[in-house]
Amino acid sequence: MRPMSKTLALAFGVVAIGALTASAQIIPLFQSVTPSGSDFLWTYTADLGQDVRLENGNFFTIYDFSGLVGGAASVTHSNPNWTVDVANTGMTPPTVIASDDGSIPNVTFVWNGGTLAGPANLGTFTITSSTNVQKLDDFSSRTIKNTGAASGTTVDNIGKDALPTPGTPTAIPLPAAVTMFPLGALVAGFFYRRNRR
């Protein structure tokens, strides 16, 4: 995997920090892209903010997940209380305007585990794509306010995260130990042969 450019990494960091400080709903965070045969596994974690809770039917959507392989069957999650929906449009909270290309699948995770008050780690989510080329694109979520005068009201949010985009997959560099092995073998052979003389 080619590391994200410094600009993309900085932009992602600013967006993620802005999302965390501006609101505290469900925040999916990109973790890694790893090869899986000829495809790539995109891994995310998600956290629930301190002042909100999940109830059945609350959700978060990752928009325009390019190169999705295998539909909902290829999406895994570490918490069995989530179900997965894949569709070219929705689910979007009614108060949110997300950038959504109707020809590219969205992946939505719907909560079915009863009431869960934040803060909480919501698990690890893995989605298979045919590409490892990255872009920043939208996610949204719907939760329930858990504290204060607005307790019990819905809380919608939107942010950006790293997602796959169409393009030729970039080469996955081999670990340094593997790429340096031939050079190391030549040097060792040279010294072994030299010492035998």
C-alpha atoms as a PDB file:
ATOM      1  CA  MET A   1       0.000   0.000   0.000  1.00  0.00           C
ATOM      2  CA  ARG A   2       1.296   3.419  -0.866  1.00  0.00           C
ATOM      3  CA  PRO A   3       1.064   5.720   2.178  1.00  0.00           C
ATOM      4  CA  MET A   4      -1.451   8.526   1.910  1.00  0.00           C
ATOM      5  CA  SER A   5       0.117  11.702   0.718  1.00  0.00           C
ATOM      6  CA  LYS A   6       0.968  14.192   3.444  1.00  0.00           C
ATOM      7  CA  THR A   7      -1.738  16.508   2.165  1.00  0.00           C
ATOM      8  CA  LEU A   8      -4.427  13.815   2.269  1.00  0.00           C
ATOM      9  CA  ALA A   9      -3.280  12.661   5.701  1.00  0.00           C
ATOM     10  CA  LEU A  10      -3.330  16.234   7.024  1.00  0.00           C
ATOM     11  CA  ALA A  11      -6.754  16.887   5.514  1.00  0.00           C
ATOM     12  CA  PHE A  12      -8.095  13.647   6.997  1.00  0.00           C
ATOM     13  CA  GLY A  13      -6.676  14.575  10.407  1.00  0.00           C
ATOM     14  CA  VAL A  14      -8.233  18.038  10.320  1.00  0.00           C
ATOM     15  CA  VAL A  15     -11.609  16.617   9.263  1.00  0.00           C
ATOM     16  CA  ALA A  16     -11.503  13.894  11.922  1.00  0.00           C
ATOM     17  CA  ILE A  17     -10.494  16.334  14.678  1.00  0.00           C
ATOM     18  CA  GLY A  18     -13.140  18.795  13.536  1.00  0.00           C
ATOM     19  CA  ALA A  19     -15.780  16.063  13.600  1.00  0.00           C
ATOM     20  CA  LEU A  20     -14.730  14.926  17.052  1.00  0.00           C
ATOM     21  CA  THR A  21     -14.725  18.403  18.561  1.00  0.00           C
ATOM     22  CA  ALA A  22     -17.798  19.755  16.782  1.00  0.00           C
ATOM     23  CA  SER A  23     -20.018  16.822  17.690  1.00  0.00           C
ATOM     24  CA  ALA A  24     -19.823  13.499  19.414  1.00  0.00           C
ATOM     25  CA  GLN A  25     -21.981  11.023  17.537  1.00  0.00           C
ATOM     26  CA  ILE A  26     -20.787   7.948  15.646  1.00  0.00           C
ATOM     27  CA  ILE A  27     -17.378   8.653  14.157  1.00  0.00           C
ATOM     28  CA  PRO A  28     -16.015   5.961  11.811  1.00  0.00           C
ATOM     29  CA  LEU A  29     -12.225   6.177  11.550  1.00  0.00           C
ATOM     30  CA  PHE A  30     -10.171   4.711   8.699  1.00  0.00           C
ATOM     31  CA  GLN A  31      -7.467   2.352   9.972  1.00  0.00           C
ATOM     32  CA  SER A  32      -5.862   0.557   7.018  1.00  0.00           C
ATOM     33  CA  VAL A  33      -6.056  -0.987   3.555  1.00  0.00           C
ATOM     34  CA  THR A  34      -4.551  -4.455   3.195  1.00  0.00           C
ATOM     35  CA  PRO A  35      -4.391  -6.820   0.210  1.00  0.00           C
ATOM     36  CA  SER A  36      -6.738  -9.809   0.142  1.00  0.00           C
ATOM     37  CA  GLY A  37      -6.056 -11.885  -2.968  1.00  0.00           C
ATOM     38  CA  SER A  38      -6.655  -9.531  -5.892  1.00  0.00           C
ATOM     39  CA  ASP A  39      -8.854  -7.232  -3.739  1.00  0.00           C
ATOM     40  CA  PHE A  40      -8.299  -5.003  -0.712  1.00  0.00           C
ATOM     41  CA  LEU A  41      -9.724  -4.982   2.811  1.00  0.00           C
ATOM     42  CA  TRP A  42     -10.603  -1.495   4.073  1.00  0.00           C
ATOM     43  CA  THR A  43     -10.695  -1.476   7.878  1.00  0.00           C
ATOM     44  CA  TYR A  44     -12.453   1.106  10.046  1.00  0.00           C
ATOM     45  CA  THR A  45     -13.241   1.451  13.722  1.00  0.00           C
ATOM     46  CA  ALA A  46     -16.134   3.452  15.108  1.00  0.00           C
ATOM     47  CA  ASP A  47     -16.724   5.207  18.400  1.00  0.00           C
ATOM     48  CA  LEU A  48     -19.876   6.495  20.043  1.00  0.00           C
ATOM     49  CA  GLY A  49     -19.599   9.904  21.695  1.00  0.00           C
ATOM     50  CA  GLN A  50     -20.115  10.569  25.381  1.00  0.00           C
ATOM     51  CA  ASP A  51     -23.336  12.569  25.163  1.00  0.00           C
ATOM     52  CA  VAL A  52     -25.312  10.256  22.844  1.00  0.00           C
ATOM     53  CA  ARG A  53     -26.753   6.751  22.829  1.00  0.00           C
ATOM     54  CA  LEU A  54     -27.680   4.130  20.262  1.00  0.00           C
ATOM     55  CA  GLU A  55     -31.165   2.678  19.992  1.00  0.00           C
ATOM     56  CA  ASN A  56     -32.410   0.065  17.558  1.00  0.00           C
ATOM     57  CA  GLY A  57     -32.497   1.512  14.046  1.00  0.00           C
ATOM     58  CA  ASN A  58     -29.764   4.112  14.599  1.00  0.00           C
ATOM     59  CA  PHE A  59     -27.107   3.901  11.913  1.00  0.00           C
ATOM     60  CA  PHE A  60     -24.080   5.257  10.133  1.00  0.00           C
ATOM     61  CA  THR A  61     -23.548   5.301   6.369  1.00  0.00           C
ATOM     62  CA  ILE A  62     -20.318   5.394   4.392  1.00  0.00           C
ATOM     63  CA  TYR A  63     -21.095   6.935   0.991  1.00  0.00           C
ATOM     64  CA  ASP A  64     -19.793   6.014  -2.457  1.00  0.00           C
ATOM     65  CA  PHE A  65     -17.687   2.975  -1.564  1.00  0.00           C
ATOM     66  CA  SER A  66     -16.087   2.413  -4.979  1.00  0.00           C
ATOM     67  CA  GLY A  67     -15.175  -1.070  -6.128  1.00  0.00           C
ATOM     68  CA  LEU A  68     -17.325  -2.832  -3.521  1.00  0.00           C
ATOM     69  CA  VAL A  69     -16.827  -6.576  -3.958  1.00  0.00           C
ATOM     70  CA  GLY A  70     -19.531  -9.082  -3.012  1.00  0.00           C
ATOM     71  CA  GLY A  71     -22.124  -6.637  -1.681  1.00  0.00           C
ATOM     72  CA  ALA A  72     -23.216  -6.905   1.954  1.00  0.00           C
ATOM     73  CA  ALA A  73     -21.802 -10.445   2.171  1.00  0.00           C
ATOM     74  CA  SER A  74     -18.244  -9.054   1.934  1.00  0.00           C
ATOM     75  CA  VAL A  75     -18.712  -6.631   4.846  1.00  0.00           C
ATOM     76  CA  THR A  76     -17.675  -7.845   8.300  1.00  0.00           C
ATOM     77  CA  HIS A  77     -18.001  -6.305  11.748  1.00  0.00           C
ATOM     78  CA  SER A  78     -16.745  -7.381  15.153  1.00  0.00           C
ATOM     79  CA  ASN A  79     -19.986  -6.529  17.005  1.00  0.00           C
ATOM     80  CA  PRO A  80     -22.947  -8.860  16.219  1.00  0.00           C
ATOM     81  CA  ASN A  81     -25.457  -6.086  17.027  1.00  0.00           C
ATOM     82  CA  TRP A  82     -24.890  -4.452  13.623  1.00  0.00           C
ATOM     83  CA  THR A  83     -26.605  -5.390  10.378  1.00  0.00           C
ATOM     84  CA  VAL A  84     -25.357  -4.240   6.988  1.00  0.00           C
ATOM     85  CA  ASP A  85     -27.315  -2.657   4.160  1.00  0.00           C
ATOM     86  CA  VAL A  86     -25.792  -1.904   0.754  1.00  0.00           C
ATOM     87  CA  ALA A  87     -27.675   0.396  -1.632  1.00  0.00           C
ATOM     88  CA  ASN A  88     -26.782   3.077  -4.165  1.00  0.00           C
ATOM     89  CA  THR A  89     -28.750   5.701  -2.209  1.00  0.00           C
ATOM     90  CA  GLY A  90     -29.483   6.266   1.506  1.00  0.00           C
ATOM     91  CA  MET A  91     -29.663   5.743   4.420  1.00  0.00           C
ATOM     92  CA  THR A  92     -29.205   9.417   5.142  1.00  0.00           C
ATOM     93  CA  PRO A  93     -30.517  11.356   8.137  1.00  0.00           C
ATOM     94  CA  PRO A  94     -33.145  13.858   6.914  1.00  0.00           C
ATOM     95  CA  THR A  95     -31.221  16.849   8.311  1.00  0.00           C
ATOM     96  CA  VAL A  96     -28.003  15.951   6.456  1.00  0.00           C
ATOM     97  CA  ILE A  97     -27.018  16.739   2.877  1.00  0.00           C
ATOM     98  CA  ALA A  98     -24.375  14.221   1.876  1.00  0.00           C
ATOM     99  CA  SER A  99     -22.454  14.010  -1.381  1.00  0.00           C
ATOM    100  CA  ASP A 100     -23.900  10.787  -2.788  1.00  0.00           C
ATOM    101  CA  ASP A 101     -23.314   9.466  -6.317  1.00  0.00           C
ATOM    102  CA  GLY A 102     -26.360   7.303  -7.039  1.00  0.00           C
ATOM    103  CA  SER A 103     -24.323   4.935  -9.201  1.00  0.00           C
ATOM    104  CA  ILE A 104     -21.849   3.948  -6.432  1.00  0.00           C
ATOM    105  CA  PRO A 105     -22.865   1.752  -3.471  1.00  0.00           C
ATOM    106  CA  ASN A 106     -23.230   3.116   0.049  1.00  0.00           C
ATOM    107  CA  VAL A 107     -22.573   0.848   3.028  1.00  0.00           C
ATOM    108  CA  THR A 108     -24.873   1.388   6.020  1.00  0.00           C
ATOM    109  CA  PHE A 109     -24.458  -0.202   9.458  1.00  0.00           C
ATOM    110  CA  VAL A 110     -27.748  -0.397  11.403  1.00  0.00           C
ATOM    111  CA  TRP A 111     -27.763  -0.951  15.191  1.00  0.00           C
ATOM    112  CA  ASN A 112     -29.987  -3.731  16.574  1.00  0.00           C
ATOM    113  CA  GLY A 113     -28.538  -4.200  20.062  1.00  0.00           C
ATOM    114  CA  GLY A 114     -30.969  -2.227  22.237  1.00  0.00           C
ATOM    115  CA  THR A 115     -29.870   0.887  24.100  1.00  0.00           C
ATOM    116  CA  LEU A 116     -26.135   1.570  24.351  1.00  0.00           C
ATOM    117  CA  ALA A 117     -24.976   4.778  26.040  1.00  0.00           C
ATOM    118  CA  GLY A 118     -21.723   6.426  25.027  1.00  0.00           C
ATOM    119  CA  PRO A 119     -18.874   6.673  25.248  1.00  0.00           C
ATOM    120  CA  ALA A 120     -18.347   3.270  23.661  1.00  0.00           C
ATOM    121  CA  ASN A 121     -16.177   1.562  21.094  1.00  0.00           C
ATOM    122  CA  LEU A 122     -18.510   0.173  18.443  1.00  0.00           C
ATOM    123  CA  GLY A 123     -16.100  -2.338  16.961  1.00  0.00           C
ATOM    124  CA  THR A 124     -14.080  -2.925  13.820  1.00  0.00           C
ATOM    125  CA  PHE A 125     -15.622  -2.902  10.347  1.00  0.00           C
ATOM    126  CA  THR A 126     -14.031  -4.385   7.226  1.00  0.00           C
ATOM    127  CA  ILE A 127     -15.248  -3.790   3.669  1.00  0.00           C
ATOM    128  CA  THR A 128     -13.790  -5.393   0.518  1.00  0.00           C
ATOM    129  CA  SER A 129     -12.987  -3.247  -2.523  1.00  0.00           C
ATOM    130  CA  SER A 130     -11.284  -3.931  -5.829  1.00  0.00           C
ATOM    131  CA  THR A 131      -9.112  -0.827  -5.366  1.00  0.00           C
ATOM    132  CA  ASN A 132      -6.802   0.634  -2.751  1.00  0.00           C
ATOM    133  CA  VAL A 133      -6.759   4.143  -4.273  1.00  0.00           C
ATOM    134  CA  GLN A 134      -7.919   6.621  -1.616  1.00  0.00           C
ATOM    135  CA  LYS A 135     -10.092   9.723  -1.528  1.00  0.00           C
ATOM    136  CA  LEU A 136     -11.943  11.667   1.157  1.00  0.00           C
ATOM    137  CA  ASP A 137     -15.720  11.285   1.023  1.00  0.00           C
ATOM    138  CA  ASP A 138     -18.770  11.579   3.269  1.00  0.00           C
ATOM    139  CA  PHE A 139     -20.176   9.532   6.104  1.00  0.00           C
ATOM    140  CA  SER A 140     -23.257  10.369   8.173  1.00  0.00           C
ATOM    141  CA  SER A 141     -24.919   8.988  11.274  1.00  0.00           C
ATOM    142  CA  ARG A 142     -28.021   9.184  13.420  1.00  0.00           C
ATOM    143  CA  THR A 143     -27.967   8.726  17.202  1.00  0.00           C
ATOM    144  CA  ILE A 144     -30.036   9.901  20.197  1.00  0.00           C
ATOM    145  CA  LYS A 145     -29.050  12.731  22.567  1.00  0.00           C
ATOM    146  CA  ASN A 146     -28.414  11.217  25.989  1.00  0.00           C
ATOM    147  CA  THR A 147     -28.006  14.248  28.265  1.00  0.00           C
ATOM    148  CA  GLY A 148     -29.361  17.722  28.944  1.00  0.00           C
ATOM    149  CA  ALA A 149     -32.587  19.406  27.950  1.00  0.00           C
ATOM    150  CA  ALA A 150     -32.457  17.810  24.477  1.00  0.00           C
ATOM    151  CA  SER A 151     -32.180  14.257  25.856  1.00  0.00           C
ATOM    152  CA  GLY A 152     -34.175  11.836  23.720  1.00  0.00           C
ATOM    153  CA  THR A 153     -33.965  13.887  20.509  1.00  0.00           C
ATOM    154  CA  THR A 154     -32.204  12.649  17.387  1.00  0.00           C
ATOM    155  CA  VAL A 155     -28.673  13.789  16.628  1.00  0.00           C
ATOM    156  CA  ASP A 156     -27.502  13.690  13.008  1.00  0.00           C
ATOM    157  CA  ASN A 157     -23.962  14.316  11.860  1.00  0.00           C
ATOM    158  CA  ILE A 158     -21.815  14.285   8.748  1.00  0.00           C
ATOM    159  CA  GLY A 159     -18.062  14.083   8.241  1.00  0.00           C
ATOM    160  CA  LYS A 160     -15.395  12.828   5.865  1.00  0.00           C
ATOM    161  CA  ASP A 161     -13.238   9.719   5.904  1.00  0.00           C
ATOM    162  CA  ALA A 162     -10.812   7.868   3.622  1.00  0.00           C
ATOM    163  CA  LEU A 163     -12.657   5.745   1.067  1.00  0.00           C
ATOM    164  CA  PRO A 164     -11.770   3.836  -2.116  1.00  0.00           C
ATOM    165  CA  THR A 165     -12.036   5.622  -5.440  1.00  0.00           C
ATOM    166  CA  PRO A 166     -11.817   4.239  -8.979  1.00  0.00           C
ATOM    167  CA  GLY A 167      -8.293   3.854 -10.248  1.00  0.00           C
ATOM    168  CA  THR A 168      -5.528   1.383 -10.828  1.00  0.00           C
ATOM    169  CA  PRO A 169      -4.568  -0.213  -7.514  1.00  0.00           C
ATOM    170  CA  THR A 170      -1.213   0.997  -6.297  1.00  0.00           C
ATOM    171  CA  ALA A 171       1.590  -1.443  -5.613  1.00  0.00           C
ATOM    172  CA  ILE A 172       1.838  -2.809  -2.107  1.00  0.00           C
ATOM    173  CA  PRO A 173       5.478  -2.403  -1.041  1.00  0.00           C
ATOM    174  CA  LEU A 174       7.152  -5.439   0.391  1.00  0.00           C
ATOM    175  CA  PRO A 175       8.525  -5.222   3.909  1.00  0.00           C
ATOM    176  CA  ALA A 176      12.099  -3.935   3.998  1.00  0.00           C
ATOM    177  CA  ALA A 177      13.409  -7.287   5.239  1.00  0.00           C
ATOM    178  CA  VAL A 178      12.088  -9.045   2.133  1.00  0.00           C
ATOM    179  CA  THR A 179      13.342  -6.432  -0.330  1.00  0.00           C
ATOM    180  CA  MET A 180      16.788  -6.361   1.290  1.00  0.00           C
ATOM    181  CA  PHE A 181      17.159 -10.162   1.384  1.00  0.00           C
ATOM    182  CA  PRO A 182      18.827 -10.533  -2.041  1.00  0.00           C
ATOM    183  CA  LEU A 183      21.406  -7.860  -1.175  1.00  0.00           C
ATOM    184  CA  GLY A 184      22.032  -9.467   2.204  1.00  0.00           C
ATOM    185  CA  ALA A 185      22.476 -12.879   0.600  1.00  0.00           C
ATOM    186  CA  LEU A 186      25.028 -11.496  -1.870  1.00  0.00           C
ATOM    187  CA  VAL A 187      27.029  -9.804   0.904  1.00  0.00           C
ATOM    188  CA  ALA A 188      26.937 -12.932   3.088  1.00  0.00           C
ATOM    189  CA  GLY A 189      28.004 -15.064   0.124  1.00  0.00           C
ATOM    190  CA  PHE A 190      30.893 -12.706  -0.625  1.00  0.00           C
ATOM    191  CA  PHE A 191      32.198 -12.875   2.955  1.00  0.00           C
ATOM    192  CA  TYR A 192      31.659 -16.642   3.172  1.00  0.00           C
ATOM    193  CA  ARG A 193      33.613 -17.185  -0.042  1.00  0.00           C
ATOM    194  CA  ARG A 194      36.331 -14.719   1.051  1.00  0.00           C
ATOM    195  CA  ASN A 195      36.760 -16.498   4.428  1.00  0.00           C
ATOM    196  CA  ARG A 196      37.064 -19.917   2.745  1.00  0.00           C
ATOM    197  CA  ARG A 197      40.136 -18.767   0.773  1.00  0.00           C
END
